[in-house]
Amino acid sequence: MGWGRRWPEKQPRPAVQELSEEQKTKILTVLNEGIEDSPVLTALKMRARCLRGRFYVERLWPTPEGTPEVEVVGRMTPLIGPKVSLLLEVENQKSNWREIAKGTAGKLIKTIAEDTKGTFHGLGILDKSIREARQRGLDRLEIVRKENLHFVHAETGNACTVQEVLFHAFNVPIDVIAEPREWYAYQRKPEIAEVSEDGTKVLVHFVAYNMSYGEFSGTCLYAIVGGRWQAFTIKPSQSGSIEEALAWLKKRKWQAW
C-alpha cells in the first residue's frame, strides 16, 4: 500500500516583491517595447499587463463579437532581493505554474520572442530572420527551392525552417503559420510534405521524434481560400496528399479536424 513512502514536499510559491508604481511602469514599458520590436509577438497580438503585483504576457484572440479572448502566455513574478529580478513561468494546468527563466524584463521578453521549442509559440527562428530582413530594408528574405522539398537561404545556402519557408517563400502570415498551437506546444517538428504547382497550398506534417524513430503526429494544410491564407488541421487518414486533404475539407465545408 506504499506505507512509509515519503512524497516530495510541494514547493511554496515564490514571494512577490512589492514594487512602486514607478517600478511597475518601467517594467511594463520594457515588456511592451519588446513586444513591439518583435515581428512574431506583434503579429500574434501579444500585450503585457500588471495584475495583483505580477506581470502577465497575454495573447488576444479576435472573436466575431468584437471583444477578444485573452490567453495568458506567461507570467513574471518580481522576486524579493536587492535588485528587481523577475521569474518567468508558464501555466501547465490551472494554477500549476512551471519555471522557465529568471532575469530582467528585457531578458525575459526576449526569451519569449526567441522561443523555438513551442513553450510560447515556437517561431523564434522566424522572428530572427524577419528582423534580419527588416535591417536590410526588405520585407522578406530570398528563399531557393532545391530537390526533395529542400529550401535554403539564397545568400548563405543555409537550410530554412518550415516557418521561414512559409513566410518568406509563400507569404503566409505569421498568425496563420502559428495556428497549430497545440502541436508547437508539444514540440512537434513541422516538415513540408507537398507543395502545389501554383504555390497556393502547402501540406505540412508535424512529427514527434524519439531516440530511434519519428512518430507522425498530425498534418496541417496551409492554403489560400477565399483570397487569403488559412490553416486547416487534417484528419490523419485524409492527410496523404494535398488532393486528398482538399477533397476531405470540401466534404466538411472547410471545417478543420
C-alpha atoms as a PDB file:
ATOM      1  CA  MET A   1       0.000   0.000   0.000  1.00  0.00           C
ATOM      2  CA  GLY A   2       3.040   2.246  -0.026  1.00  0.00           C
ATOM      3  CA  TRP A   3       3.182   2.738   3.761  1.00  0.00           C
ATOM      4  CA  GLY A   4       6.203   4.700   4.848  1.00  0.00           C
ATOM      5  CA  ARG A   5       6.684   6.317   1.445  1.00  0.00           C
ATOM      6  CA  ARG A   6       7.704   9.953   1.694  1.00  0.00           C
ATOM      7  CA  TRP A   7       6.274  12.134  -1.024  1.00  0.00           C
ATOM      8  CA  PRO A   8       8.269  15.204  -2.046  1.00  0.00           C
ATOM      9  CA  GLU A   9       7.016  18.345  -0.404  1.00  0.00           C
ATOM     10  CA  LYS A  10       5.269  20.833  -2.611  1.00  0.00           C
ATOM     11  CA  GLN A  11       7.483  23.800  -3.280  1.00  0.00           C
ATOM     12  CA  PRO A  12       6.000  27.046  -1.964  1.00  0.00           C
ATOM     13  CA  ARG A  13       5.190  29.757  -4.451  1.00  0.00           C
ATOM     14  CA  PRO A  14       7.853  32.492  -4.636  1.00  0.00           C
ATOM     15  CA  ALA A  15       7.087  35.539  -2.542  1.00  0.00           C
ATOM     16  CA  VAL A  16       6.144  38.576  -4.581  1.00  0.00           C
ATOM     17  CA  GLN A  17       8.232  41.672  -4.035  1.00  0.00           C
ATOM     18  CA  GLU A  18       6.107  44.776  -3.790  1.00  0.00           C
ATOM     19  CA  LEU A  19       7.070  47.357  -6.386  1.00  0.00           C
ATOM     20  CA  SER A  20       6.399  51.053  -6.555  1.00  0.00           C
ATOM     21  CA  GLU A  21       4.159  52.412  -9.296  1.00  0.00           C
ATOM     22  CA  GLU A  22       7.247  53.852 -10.951  1.00  0.00           C
ATOM     23  CA  GLN A  23       8.956  50.435 -10.990  1.00  0.00           C
ATOM     24  CA  LYS A  24       5.829  48.757 -12.401  1.00  0.00           C
ATOM     25  CA  THR A  25       5.537  51.347 -15.148  1.00  0.00           C
ATOM     26  CA  LYS A  26       9.194  50.935 -16.055  1.00  0.00           C
ATOM     27  CA  ILE A  27       8.895  47.142 -16.318  1.00  0.00           C
ATOM     28  CA  LEU A  28       5.682  47.358 -18.349  1.00  0.00           C
ATOM     29  CA  THR A  29       7.351  49.811 -20.719  1.00  0.00           C
ATOM     30  CA  VAL A  30      10.252  47.411 -21.298  1.00  0.00           C
ATOM     31  CA  LEU A  31       7.898  44.474 -21.871  1.00  0.00           C
ATOM     32  CA  ASN A  32       5.629  46.291 -24.312  1.00  0.00           C
ATOM     33  CA  GLU A  33       8.582  47.774 -26.194  1.00  0.00           C
ATOM     34  CA  GLY A  34       9.997  44.257 -26.506  1.00  0.00           C
ATOM     35  CA  ILE A  35       6.680  43.063 -27.908  1.00  0.00           C
ATOM     36  CA  GLU A  36       6.526  45.938 -30.405  1.00  0.00           C
ATOM     37  CA  ASP A  37      10.098  45.174 -31.503  1.00  0.00           C
ATOM     38  CA  SER A  38       9.270  41.520 -32.189  1.00  0.00           C
ATOM     39  CA  PRO A  39       7.590  40.714 -35.540  1.00  0.00           C
ATOM     40  CA  VAL A  40       6.182  37.469 -34.152  1.00  0.00           C
ATOM     41  CA  LEU A  41       4.860  38.814 -30.840  1.00  0.00           C
ATOM     42  CA  THR A  42       3.296  41.781 -32.632  1.00  0.00           C
ATOM     43  CA  ALA A  43       1.620  39.576 -35.256  1.00  0.00           C
ATOM     44  CA  LEU A  44       0.276  37.281 -32.525  1.00  0.00           C
ATOM     45  CA  LYS A  45      -1.263  40.323 -30.785  1.00  0.00           C
ATOM     46  CA  MET A  46       0.644  39.974 -27.533  1.00  0.00           C
ATOM     47  CA  ARG A  47       0.451  42.508 -24.722  1.00  0.00           C
ATOM     48  CA  ALA A  48       1.805  42.910 -21.188  1.00  0.00           C
ATOM     49  CA  ARG A  49      -0.239  43.845 -18.138  1.00  0.00           C
ATOM     50  CA  CYS A  50       0.358  44.182 -14.405  1.00  0.00           C
ATOM     51  CA  LEU A  51      -2.209  42.471 -12.184  1.00  0.00           C
ATOM     52  CA  ARG A  52      -2.007  41.927  -8.422  1.00  0.00           C
ATOM     53  CA  GLY A  53       1.719  42.613  -8.358  1.00  0.00           C
ATOM     54  CA  ARG A  54       2.660  40.247 -11.190  1.00  0.00           C
ATOM     55  CA  PHE A  55       3.212  40.878 -14.891  1.00  0.00           C
ATOM     56  CA  TYR A  56       1.290  38.853 -17.463  1.00  0.00           C
ATOM     57  CA  VAL A  57       2.089  38.452 -21.154  1.00  0.00           C
ATOM     58  CA  GLU A  58      -1.183  37.734 -22.932  1.00  0.00           C
ATOM     59  CA  ARG A  59      -2.327  36.920 -26.444  1.00  0.00           C
ATOM     60  CA  LEU A  60      -5.537  38.499 -27.725  1.00  0.00           C
ATOM     61  CA  TRP A  61      -7.673  36.269 -29.959  1.00  0.00           C
ATOM     62  CA  PRO A  62     -10.264  38.035 -32.158  1.00  0.00           C
ATOM     63  CA  THR A  63     -13.884  36.926 -31.865  1.00  0.00           C
ATOM     64  CA  PRO A  64     -16.961  37.592 -34.034  1.00  0.00           C
ATOM     65  CA  GLU A  65     -18.431  39.622 -31.180  1.00  0.00           C
ATOM     66  CA  GLY A  66     -15.509  42.044 -31.294  1.00  0.00           C
ATOM     67  CA  THR A  67     -14.307  41.530 -27.712  1.00  0.00           C
ATOM     68  CA  PRO A  68     -11.088  39.484 -27.931  1.00  0.00           C
ATOM     69  CA  GLU A  69     -10.494  36.364 -25.880  1.00  0.00           C
ATOM     70  CA  VAL A  70      -7.433  36.592 -23.639  1.00  0.00           C
ATOM     71  CA  GLU A  71      -4.895  33.766 -23.382  1.00  0.00           C
ATOM     72  CA  VAL A  72      -2.201  34.038 -20.703  1.00  0.00           C
ATOM     73  CA  VAL A  73       1.069  33.102 -22.408  1.00  0.00           C
ATOM     74  CA  GLY A  74       3.315  33.582 -19.376  1.00  0.00           C
ATOM     75  CA  ARG A  75       3.630  35.471 -16.123  1.00  0.00           C
ATOM     76  CA  MET A  76       6.522  37.221 -14.396  1.00  0.00           C
ATOM     77  CA  THR A  77       6.848  37.491 -10.639  1.00  0.00           C
ATOM     78  CA  PRO A  78       9.101  40.157  -9.051  1.00  0.00           C
ATOM     79  CA  LEU A  79      11.395  38.264  -6.668  1.00  0.00           C
ATOM     80  CA  ILE A  80      12.496  39.568  -3.301  1.00  0.00           C
ATOM     81  CA  GLY A  81      16.117  40.730  -3.447  1.00  0.00           C
ATOM     82  CA  PRO A  82      18.413  43.756  -3.588  1.00  0.00           C
ATOM     83  CA  LYS A  83      17.746  44.171  -7.326  1.00  0.00           C
ATOM     84  CA  VAL A  84      14.497  43.698  -9.197  1.00  0.00           C
ATOM     85  CA  SER A  85      14.614  40.250 -10.802  1.00  0.00           C
ATOM     86  CA  LEU A  86      11.661  38.518 -12.417  1.00  0.00           C
ATOM     87  CA  LEU A  87      10.660  34.848 -12.531  1.00  0.00           C
ATOM     88  CA  LEU A  88       9.089  33.805 -15.848  1.00  0.00           C
ATOM     89  CA  GLU A  89       6.608  30.915 -15.658  1.00  0.00           C
ATOM     90  CA  VAL A  90       4.045  29.179 -17.865  1.00  0.00           C
ATOM     91  CA  GLU A  91       0.861  27.513 -16.687  1.00  0.00           C
ATOM     92  CA  ASN A  92       0.757  23.748 -17.343  1.00  0.00           C
ATOM     93  CA  GLN A  93      -2.611  23.232 -15.731  1.00  0.00           C
ATOM     94  CA  LYS A  94      -4.924  25.517 -13.836  1.00  0.00           C
ATOM     95  CA  SER A  95      -2.865  27.211 -11.095  1.00  0.00           C
ATOM     96  CA  ASN A  96       0.094  24.904 -11.796  1.00  0.00           C
ATOM     97  CA  TRP A  97       2.994  27.071 -12.951  1.00  0.00           C
ATOM     98  CA  ARG A  98       6.360  25.908 -14.304  1.00  0.00           C
ATOM     99  CA  GLU A  99       9.556  27.955 -14.137  1.00  0.00           C
ATOM    100  CA  ILE A 100      11.157  28.911 -17.456  1.00  0.00           C
ATOM    101  CA  ALA A 101      13.780  31.567 -16.648  1.00  0.00           C
ATOM    102  CA  LYS A 102      14.811  34.369 -14.307  1.00  0.00           C
ATOM    103  CA  GLY A 103      16.179  37.793 -15.146  1.00  0.00           C
ATOM    104  CA  THR A 104      15.324  41.312 -16.154  1.00  0.00           C
ATOM    105  CA  ALA A 105      12.189  42.296 -18.051  1.00  0.00           C
ATOM    106  CA  GLY A 106      14.268  42.825 -21.194  1.00  0.00           C
ATOM    107  CA  LYS A 107      15.865  39.390 -20.961  1.00  0.00           C
ATOM    108  CA  LEU A 108      12.568  37.601 -20.346  1.00  0.00           C
ATOM    109  CA  ILE A 109      10.584  39.236 -23.135  1.00  0.00           C
ATOM    110  CA  LYS A 110      13.482  38.297 -25.424  1.00  0.00           C
ATOM    111  CA  THR A 111      13.190  34.708 -24.148  1.00  0.00           C
ATOM    112  CA  ILE A 112       9.540  34.706 -25.194  1.00  0.00           C
ATOM    113  CA  ALA A 113      10.238  36.261 -28.610  1.00  0.00           C
ATOM    114  CA  GLU A 114      13.082  33.818 -29.375  1.00  0.00           C
ATOM    115  CA  ASP A 115      11.210  30.678 -28.294  1.00  0.00           C
ATOM    116  CA  THR A 116      11.859  27.747 -30.656  1.00  0.00           C
ATOM    117  CA  LYS A 117      10.515  24.883 -28.504  1.00  0.00           C
ATOM    118  CA  GLY A 118       6.829  25.780 -28.602  1.00  0.00           C
ATOM    119  CA  THR A 119       6.659  26.887 -24.986  1.00  0.00           C
ATOM    120  CA  PHE A 120       5.223  30.230 -26.128  1.00  0.00           C
ATOM    121  CA  HIS A 121       4.838  29.962 -29.918  1.00  0.00           C
ATOM    122  CA  GLY A 122       7.821  28.106 -31.443  1.00  0.00           C
ATOM    123  CA  LEU A 123       8.556  30.738 -34.114  1.00  0.00           C
ATOM    124  CA  GLY A 124      11.780  32.155 -32.673  1.00  0.00           C
ATOM    125  CA  ILE A 125      13.940  31.469 -35.748  1.00  0.00           C
ATOM    126  CA  LEU A 126      11.329  33.130 -37.950  1.00  0.00           C
ATOM    127  CA  ASP A 127      11.312  36.150 -35.627  1.00  0.00           C
ATOM    128  CA  LYS A 128      15.081  36.435 -36.007  1.00  0.00           C
ATOM    129  CA  SER A 129      15.046  36.125 -39.808  1.00  0.00           C
ATOM    130  CA  ILE A 130      12.299  38.753 -40.194  1.00  0.00           C
ATOM    131  CA  ARG A 131      14.351  41.135 -38.061  1.00  0.00           C
ATOM    132  CA  GLU A 132      17.313  40.427 -40.332  1.00  0.00           C
ATOM    133  CA  ALA A 133      15.224  41.188 -43.426  1.00  0.00           C
ATOM    134  CA  ARG A 134      13.981  44.459 -41.956  1.00  0.00           C
ATOM    135  CA  GLN A 135      17.513  45.524 -41.076  1.00  0.00           C
ATOM    136  CA  ARG A 136      18.327  45.187 -44.780  1.00  0.00           C
ATOM    137  CA  GLY A 137      15.233  47.133 -45.780  1.00  0.00           C
ATOM    138  CA  LEU A 138      13.491  44.002 -47.084  1.00  0.00           C
ATOM    139  CA  ASP A 139      10.029  42.619 -46.433  1.00  0.00           C
ATOM    140  CA  ARG A 140      11.205  39.054 -46.931  1.00  0.00           C
ATOM    141  CA  LEU A 141      14.426  37.133 -47.490  1.00  0.00           C
ATOM    142  CA  GLU A 142      15.061  35.270 -50.745  1.00  0.00           C
ATOM    143  CA  ILE A 143      14.499  31.534 -50.455  1.00  0.00           C
ATOM    144  CA  VAL A 144      15.656  28.972 -53.038  1.00  0.00           C
ATOM    145  CA  ARG A 145      13.930  25.635 -53.551  1.00  0.00           C
ATOM    146  CA  LYS A 146      16.171  22.627 -54.115  1.00  0.00           C
ATOM    147  CA  GLU A 147      15.300  18.988 -54.788  1.00  0.00           C
ATOM    148  CA  ASN A 148      13.063  16.946 -52.479  1.00  0.00           C
ATOM    149  CA  LEU A 149      11.318  19.993 -50.988  1.00  0.00           C
ATOM    150  CA  HIS A 150      14.586  21.267 -49.561  1.00  0.00           C
ATOM    151  CA  PHE A 151      14.684  25.052 -49.133  1.00  0.00           C
ATOM    152  CA  VAL A 152      17.734  27.211 -48.419  1.00  0.00           C
ATOM    153  CA  HIS A 153      18.544  30.885 -47.955  1.00  0.00           C
ATOM    154  CA  ALA A 154      19.722  32.296 -51.287  1.00  0.00           C
ATOM    155  CA  GLU A 155      22.551  34.317 -49.753  1.00  0.00           C
ATOM    156  CA  THR A 156      24.076  31.748 -47.416  1.00  0.00           C
ATOM    157  CA  GLY A 157      22.847  28.389 -48.677  1.00  0.00           C
ATOM    158  CA  ASN A 158      21.782  27.519 -45.122  1.00  0.00           C
ATOM    159  CA  ALA A 159      18.695  25.372 -44.681  1.00  0.00           C
ATOM    160  CA  CYS A 160      15.445  27.134 -43.783  1.00  0.00           C
ATOM    161  CA  THR A 161      12.936  26.175 -41.135  1.00  0.00           C
ATOM    162  CA  VAL A 162       9.427  25.364 -42.321  1.00  0.00           C
ATOM    163  CA  GLN A 163       8.179  28.579 -40.720  1.00  0.00           C
ATOM    164  CA  GLU A 164      10.738  30.610 -42.680  1.00  0.00           C
ATOM    165  CA  VAL A 165       9.719  28.898 -45.918  1.00  0.00           C
ATOM    166  CA  LEU A 166       6.028  29.562 -45.296  1.00  0.00           C
ATOM    167  CA  PHE A 167       6.641  33.238 -44.547  1.00  0.00           C
ATOM    168  CA  HIS A 168       9.461  34.232 -46.899  1.00  0.00           C
ATOM    169  CA  ALA A 169       8.723  31.966 -49.889  1.00  0.00           C
ATOM    170  CA  PHE A 170       4.922  31.675 -49.796  1.00  0.00           C
ATOM    171  CA  ASN A 171       3.898  34.873 -47.963  1.00  0.00           C
ATOM    172  CA  VAL A 172       1.871  33.048 -45.313  1.00  0.00           C
ATOM    173  CA  PRO A 173       1.036  35.475 -42.457  1.00  0.00           C
ATOM    174  CA  ILE A 174       2.703  34.850 -39.108  1.00  0.00           C
ATOM    175  CA  ASP A 175      -0.518  34.294 -37.171  1.00  0.00           C
ATOM    176  CA  VAL A 176      -1.613  31.668 -39.724  1.00  0.00           C
ATOM    177  CA  ILE A 177       1.755  29.878 -39.513  1.00  0.00           C
ATOM    178  CA  ALA A 178       1.328  29.685 -35.734  1.00  0.00           C
ATOM    179  CA  GLU A 179      -2.198  28.246 -35.814  1.00  0.00           C
ATOM    180  CA  PRO A 180      -1.378  24.582 -34.977  1.00  0.00           C
ATOM    181  CA  ARG A 181      -0.606  25.919 -31.475  1.00  0.00           C
ATOM    182  CA  GLU A 182      -1.050  22.581 -29.724  1.00  0.00           C
ATOM    183  CA  TRP A 183       1.454  20.790 -31.938  1.00  0.00           C
ATOM    184  CA  TYR A 184       4.037  23.516 -31.399  1.00  0.00           C
ATOM    185  CA  ALA A 185       3.414  23.301 -27.644  1.00  0.00           C
ATOM    186  CA  TYR A 186       4.052  19.530 -27.752  1.00  0.00           C
ATOM    187  CA  GLN A 187       7.309  20.207 -29.634  1.00  0.00           C
ATOM    188  CA  ARG A 188       6.177  18.586 -32.878  1.00  0.00           C
ATOM    189  CA  LYS A 189       8.620  19.365 -35.671  1.00  0.00           C
ATOM    190  CA  PRO A 190       6.995  20.647 -38.893  1.00  0.00           C
ATOM    191  CA  GLU A 191       8.137  19.110 -42.173  1.00  0.00           C
ATOM    192  CA  ILE A 192       6.906  20.084 -45.649  1.00  0.00           C
ATOM    193  CA  ALA A 193       5.303  17.062 -47.316  1.00  0.00           C
ATOM    194  CA  GLU A 194       3.980  18.616 -50.538  1.00  0.00           C
ATOM    195  CA  VAL A 195       3.643  21.951 -52.339  1.00  0.00           C
ATOM    196  CA  SER A 196       1.071  22.602 -55.068  1.00  0.00           C
ATOM    197  CA  GLU A 197       2.343  23.637 -58.503  1.00  0.00           C
ATOM    198  CA  ASP A 198       0.797  27.111 -58.223  1.00  0.00           C
ATOM    199  CA  GLY A 199       2.261  27.679 -54.736  1.00  0.00           C
ATOM    200  CA  THR A 200      -1.132  28.286 -53.104  1.00  0.00           C
ATOM    201  CA  LYS A 201      -1.147  25.138 -50.977  1.00  0.00           C
ATOM    202  CA  VAL A 202       1.471  23.647 -48.662  1.00  0.00           C
ATOM    203  CA  LEU A 203       0.971  20.370 -46.801  1.00  0.00           C
ATOM    204  CA  VAL A 204       2.954  20.189 -43.558  1.00  0.00           C
ATOM    205  CA  HIS A 205       3.400  17.156 -41.296  1.00  0.00           C
ATOM    206  CA  PHE A 206       4.121  17.737 -37.605  1.00  0.00           C
ATOM    207  CA  VAL A 207       6.327  14.948 -36.283  1.00  0.00           C
ATOM    208  CA  ALA A 208       7.491  13.973 -32.803  1.00  0.00           C
ATOM    209  CA  TYR A 209      10.888  12.301 -32.579  1.00  0.00           C
ATOM    210  CA  ASN A 210      12.278   9.898 -30.008  1.00  0.00           C
ATOM    211  CA  MET A 211      15.714   8.269 -29.774  1.00  0.00           C
ATOM    212  CA  SER A 212      15.152   5.755 -32.562  1.00  0.00           C
ATOM    213  CA  TYR A 213      12.465   6.935 -34.962  1.00  0.00           C
ATOM    214  CA  GLY A 214       9.987   9.646 -35.841  1.00  0.00           C
ATOM    215  CA  GLU A 215       6.361   9.394 -34.834  1.00  0.00           C
ATOM    216  CA  PHE A 216       3.746  11.014 -37.078  1.00  0.00           C
ATOM    217  CA  SER A 217       1.569  13.395 -35.064  1.00  0.00           C
ATOM    218  CA  GLY A 218      -0.595  15.480 -37.355  1.00  0.00           C
ATOM    219  CA  THR A 219      -0.946  17.398 -40.589  1.00  0.00           C
ATOM    220  CA  CYS A 220      -1.801  20.991 -41.403  1.00  0.00           C
ATOM    221  CA  LEU A 221      -2.770  22.222 -44.857  1.00  0.00           C
ATOM    222  CA  TYR A 222      -1.864  25.851 -45.463  1.00  0.00           C
ATOM    223  CA  ALA A 223      -3.975  27.043 -48.393  1.00  0.00           C
ATOM    224  CA  ILE A 224      -5.286  30.223 -49.999  1.00  0.00           C
ATOM    225  CA  VAL A 225      -9.053  30.013 -49.609  1.00  0.00           C
ATOM    226  CA  GLY A 226     -11.348  32.952 -50.210  1.00  0.00           C
ATOM    227  CA  GLY A 227      -8.386  35.096 -51.238  1.00  0.00           C
ATOM    228  CA  ARG A 228      -6.369  34.645 -48.037  1.00  0.00           C
ATOM    229  CA  TRP A 229      -4.045  32.106 -46.447  1.00  0.00           C
ATOM    230  CA  GLN A 230      -5.681  29.813 -43.910  1.00  0.00           C
ATOM    231  CA  ALA A 231      -4.503  26.818 -41.871  1.00  0.00           C
ATOM    232  CA  PHE A 232      -6.537  23.597 -41.700  1.00  0.00           C
ATOM    233  CA  THR A 233      -5.669  20.667 -39.438  1.00  0.00           C
ATOM    234  CA  ILE A 234      -6.369  17.446 -41.342  1.00  0.00           C
ATOM    235  CA  LYS A 235      -7.633  14.092 -40.116  1.00  0.00           C
ATOM    236  CA  PRO A 236      -4.668  11.642 -40.208  1.00  0.00           C
ATOM    237  CA  SER A 237      -6.431   9.197 -42.527  1.00  0.00           C
ATOM    238  CA  GLN A 238      -7.042  12.013 -45.032  1.00  0.00           C
ATOM    239  CA  SER A 239      -3.599  13.620 -44.947  1.00  0.00           C
ATOM    240  CA  GLY A 240      -1.669  11.623 -47.526  1.00  0.00           C
ATOM    241  CA  SER A 241      -1.653  14.368 -50.153  1.00  0.00           C
ATOM    242  CA  ILE A 242      -2.927  17.863 -50.889  1.00  0.00           C
ATOM    243  CA  GLU A 243      -5.572  16.417 -53.222  1.00  0.00           C
ATOM    244  CA  GLU A 244      -6.844  14.032 -50.551  1.00  0.00           C
ATOM    245  CA  ALA A 245      -6.870  16.755 -47.883  1.00  0.00           C
ATOM    246  CA  LEU A 246      -8.761  19.171 -50.145  1.00  0.00           C
ATOM    247  CA  ALA A 247     -11.407  16.578 -51.031  1.00  0.00           C
ATOM    248  CA  TRP A 248     -11.935  15.845 -47.334  1.00  0.00           C
ATOM    249  CA  LEU A 249     -12.174  19.546 -46.448  1.00  0.00           C
ATOM    250  CA  LYS A 250     -14.683  20.257 -49.209  1.00  0.00           C
ATOM    251  CA  LYS A 251     -16.939  17.459 -47.946  1.00  0.00           C
ATOM    252  CA  ARG A 252     -16.775  19.055 -44.490  1.00  0.00           C
ATOM    253  CA  LYS A 253     -17.427  22.546 -45.914  1.00  0.00           C
ATOM    254  CA  TRP A 254     -13.883  23.609 -44.956  1.00  0.00           C
ATOM    255  CA  GLN A 255     -14.195  22.635 -41.300  1.00  0.00           C
ATOM    256  CA  ALA A 256     -10.784  21.531 -39.980  1.00  0.00           C
ATOM    257  CA  TRP A 257     -10.219  18.373 -37.936  1.00  0.00           C
END
